[in-house]
């Protein structure tokens, strides 16, 4: 799918959905800190939230790997 290989769309998703809400800290960053602290009290909703806000970054990592492993710029 062409949309999954479009840098502009992926970066836009990372900056909006991936980091929203921005204040007091990006939501995904708060969830990662929570998980790093042992994930005590996390519910299914919180885990879904991690996946939802983290998905744009997974797409970005995938796109970087695809571009780096593609031979001869094809």
N, C-alpha and C. Protein backbone atom coordinates (compact mmCIF):
# COMPACT_ATOMS: atom_id res chain seq x y z
N UNK A 1 0.84 -1.18 0.00
CA UNK A 1 0.00 0.00 0.00
C UNK A 1 0.88 1.24 0.00
N UNK A 2 0.56 2.14 -0.89
CA UNK A 2 1.38 3.33 -1.06
C UNK A 2 1.38 4.22 0.18
N UNK A 3 0.26 4.30 0.89
CA UNK A 3 0.17 5.18 2.06
C UNK A 3 1.12 4.74 3.18
N UNK A 4 1.40 3.44 3.27
CA UNK A 4 2.31 2.94 4.31
C UNK A 4 3.77 3.23 3.98
N UNK A 5 4.05 3.69 2.78
CA UNK A 5 5.42 4.02 2.38
C UNK A 5 5.60 5.50 2.12
N UNK A 6 4.68 6.32 2.58
CA UNK A 6 4.75 7.77 2.39
C UNK A 6 5.32 8.41 3.65
N UNK A 7 6.54 8.95 3.54
CA UNK A 7 7.21 9.57 4.68
C UNK A 7 6.36 10.66 5.32
N UNK A 8 5.74 11.51 4.48
CA UNK A 8 4.98 12.65 5.01
C UNK A 8 3.82 12.20 5.88
N UNK A 9 3.10 11.20 5.45
CA UNK A 9 1.96 10.70 6.22
C UNK A 9 2.43 10.08 7.54
N UNK A 10 3.46 9.27 7.47
CA UNK A 10 3.97 8.60 8.68
C UNK A 10 4.49 9.61 9.69
N UNK A 11 5.25 10.60 9.23
CA UNK A 11 5.77 11.64 10.14
C UNK A 11 4.61 12.43 10.75
N UNK A 12 3.62 12.77 9.94
CA UNK A 12 2.44 13.49 10.45
C UNK A 12 1.72 12.67 11.51
N UNK A 13 1.57 11.37 11.28
CA UNK A 13 0.93 10.50 12.27
C UNK A 13 1.74 10.45 13.57
N UNK A 14 3.06 10.37 13.45
CA UNK A 14 3.91 10.33 14.65
C UNK A 14 3.79 11.61 15.46
N UNK A 15 3.78 12.74 14.77
CA UNK A 15 3.74 14.03 15.47
C UNK A 15 2.36 14.35 16.04
N UNK A 16 1.31 13.82 15.47
CA UNK A 16 -0.03 14.11 15.97
C UNK A 16 -0.54 12.98 16.85
N UNK A 17 -0.91 11.88 16.26
CA UNK A 17 -1.49 10.77 17.01
C UNK A 17 -0.48 10.15 17.97
N UNK A 18 0.76 10.05 17.55
CA UNK A 18 1.77 9.42 18.38
C UNK A 18 2.12 10.19 19.64
N UNK A 19 2.04 11.51 19.58
CA UNK A 19 2.44 12.31 20.73
C UNK A 19 1.28 12.98 21.45
N UNK A 20 0.08 12.95 20.88
CA UNK A 20 -1.07 13.61 21.50
C UNK A 20 -1.52 12.88 22.75
N UNK A 21 -2.07 13.52 23.75
CA UNK A 21 -2.04 14.96 23.99
C UNK A 21 -0.64 15.39 24.41
N UNK A 22 -0.30 16.62 24.11
CA UNK A 22 1.07 17.09 24.27
C UNK A 22 1.40 17.57 25.68
N UNK A 23 0.42 18.01 26.43
CA UNK A 23 0.68 18.57 27.76
C UNK A 23 -0.04 17.77 28.81
N UNK A 24 0.51 17.48 29.95
CA UNK A 24 1.79 17.95 30.46
C UNK A 24 2.99 17.21 29.88
N UNK A 25 2.77 16.03 29.31
CA UNK A 25 3.82 15.30 28.59
C UNK A 25 3.13 14.45 27.52
N UNK A 26 3.84 14.08 26.48
CA UNK A 26 3.22 13.23 25.47
C UNK A 26 2.66 11.95 26.10
N UNK A 27 1.48 11.57 25.67
CA UNK A 27 0.76 10.45 26.25
C UNK A 27 1.56 9.16 26.18
N UNK A 28 2.16 8.90 25.04
CA UNK A 28 2.93 7.67 24.86
C UNK A 28 4.12 7.63 25.81
N UNK A 29 4.77 8.75 26.00
CA UNK A 29 5.91 8.82 26.93
C UNK A 29 5.47 8.47 28.35
N UNK A 30 4.31 8.99 28.76
CA UNK A 30 3.79 8.67 30.09
C UNK A 30 3.49 7.19 30.25
N UNK A 31 2.94 6.58 29.20
CA UNK A 31 2.63 5.15 29.25
C UNK A 31 3.91 4.31 29.29
N UNK A 32 4.91 4.73 28.53
CA UNK A 32 6.18 3.99 28.54
C UNK A 32 6.83 4.08 29.91
N UNK A 33 6.77 5.25 30.54
CA UNK A 33 7.30 5.39 31.90
C UNK A 33 6.54 4.47 32.87
N UNK A 34 5.24 4.39 32.69
CA UNK A 34 4.41 3.54 33.53
C UNK A 34 4.81 2.07 33.37
N UNK A 35 5.01 1.64 32.14
CA UNK A 35 5.43 0.26 31.87
C UNK A 35 6.82 0.01 32.45
N UNK A 36 7.73 0.96 32.27
CA UNK A 36 9.10 0.82 32.80
C UNK A 36 9.09 0.75 34.33
N UNK A 37 8.08 1.35 34.94
CA UNK A 37 7.97 1.32 36.39
C UNK A 37 7.27 0.07 36.91
N UNK A 38 6.98 -0.87 36.04
CA UNK A 38 6.38 -2.12 36.47
C UNK A 38 4.96 -2.33 35.99
N UNK A 39 4.36 -1.33 35.39
CA UNK A 39 2.99 -1.41 34.85
C UNK A 39 1.96 -1.77 35.90
N UNK A 40 2.21 -1.37 37.13
CA UNK A 40 1.25 -1.65 38.21
C UNK A 40 -0.03 -0.87 37.99
N UNK A 41 -1.14 -1.58 37.98
CA UNK A 41 -2.45 -0.96 37.84
C UNK A 41 -2.89 -0.72 36.41
N UNK A 42 -2.10 -1.14 35.43
CA UNK A 42 -2.51 -0.94 34.03
C UNK A 42 -3.64 -1.88 33.68
N UNK A 43 -4.64 -1.33 33.00
CA UNK A 43 -5.79 -2.12 32.57
C UNK A 43 -5.66 -2.39 31.08
N UNK A 44 -6.60 -3.16 30.55
CA UNK A 44 -6.62 -3.46 29.12
C UNK A 44 -6.71 -2.17 28.30
N UNK A 45 -7.47 -1.21 28.81
CA UNK A 45 -7.60 0.08 28.13
C UNK A 45 -6.24 0.78 28.02
N UNK A 46 -5.44 0.71 29.04
CA UNK A 46 -4.12 1.34 29.03
C UNK A 46 -3.19 0.66 28.02
N UNK A 47 -3.25 -0.66 27.94
CA UNK A 47 -2.42 -1.38 26.97
C UNK A 47 -2.85 -1.07 25.54
N UNK A 48 -4.18 -0.97 25.32
CA UNK A 48 -4.68 -0.59 24.00
C UNK A 48 -4.18 0.81 23.65
N UNK A 49 -4.17 1.70 24.62
CA UNK A 49 -3.69 3.07 24.43
C UNK A 49 -2.21 3.09 24.01
N UNK A 50 -1.41 2.23 24.61
CA UNK A 50 0.01 2.14 24.23
C UNK A 50 0.13 1.71 22.77
N UNK A 51 -0.63 0.70 22.38
CA UNK A 51 -0.59 0.22 21.00
C UNK A 51 -1.10 1.30 20.05
N UNK A 52 -2.19 1.95 20.41
CA UNK A 52 -2.80 2.97 19.56
C UNK A 52 -1.86 4.16 19.32
N UNK A 53 -1.26 4.67 20.38
CA UNK A 53 -0.36 5.81 20.24
C UNK A 53 1.02 5.40 19.73
N UNK A 54 1.39 4.14 19.90
CA UNK A 54 2.69 3.67 19.44
C UNK A 54 2.72 3.19 18.01
N UNK A 55 1.55 2.91 17.43
CA UNK A 55 1.48 2.37 16.08
C UNK A 55 2.15 3.25 15.03
N UNK A 56 1.98 4.58 15.06
CA UNK A 56 2.69 5.41 14.06
C UNK A 56 4.21 5.24 14.13
N UNK A 57 4.75 5.06 15.31
CA UNK A 57 6.19 4.88 15.45
C UNK A 57 6.62 3.50 14.94
N UNK A 58 5.76 2.51 15.09
CA UNK A 58 6.04 1.19 14.51
C UNK A 58 6.07 1.30 12.99
N UNK A 59 5.13 2.07 12.43
CA UNK A 59 5.13 2.27 10.98
C UNK A 59 6.39 3.01 10.53
N UNK A 60 6.85 3.97 11.32
CA UNK A 60 8.07 4.71 10.99
C UNK A 60 9.29 3.79 11.01
N UNK A 61 9.41 2.97 12.02
CA UNK A 61 10.52 2.02 12.10
C UNK A 61 10.47 1.04 10.92
N UNK A 62 9.27 0.57 10.58
CA UNK A 62 9.10 -0.32 9.44
C UNK A 62 9.55 0.35 8.15
N UNK A 63 9.15 1.61 7.97
CA UNK A 63 9.51 2.34 6.76
C UNK A 63 11.02 2.55 6.67
N UNK A 64 11.66 2.85 7.77
CA UNK A 64 13.12 3.02 7.79
C UNK A 64 13.80 1.71 7.39
N UNK A 65 13.34 0.60 7.95
CA UNK A 65 13.93 -0.70 7.62
C UNK A 65 13.73 -1.03 6.15
N UNK A 66 12.52 -0.77 5.63
CA UNK A 66 12.24 -1.03 4.22
C UNK A 66 13.16 -0.21 3.33
N UNK A 67 13.33 1.06 3.64
CA UNK A 67 14.17 1.93 2.81
C UNK A 67 15.65 1.54 2.90
N UNK A 68 16.11 1.12 4.07
CA UNK A 68 17.51 0.74 4.24
C UNK A 68 17.84 -0.60 3.58
N UNK A 69 16.86 -1.50 3.54
CA UNK A 69 17.14 -2.83 2.98
C UNK A 69 16.81 -2.93 1.50
N UNK A 70 16.16 -1.94 0.96
CA UNK A 70 15.83 -1.96 -0.47
C UNK A 70 17.09 -1.82 -1.30
N UNK A 71 17.27 -2.67 -2.28
CA UNK A 71 18.49 -2.69 -3.07
C UNK A 71 18.39 -1.70 -4.23
N UNK A 72 19.45 -0.96 -4.46
CA UNK A 72 19.60 -0.06 -5.60
C UNK A 72 18.47 0.97 -5.72
N UNK A 73 17.86 1.37 -4.60
CA UNK A 73 16.82 2.38 -4.62
C UNK A 73 15.58 2.01 -5.39
N UNK A 74 15.37 0.73 -5.63
CA UNK A 74 14.22 0.28 -6.44
C UNK A 74 12.93 0.43 -5.68
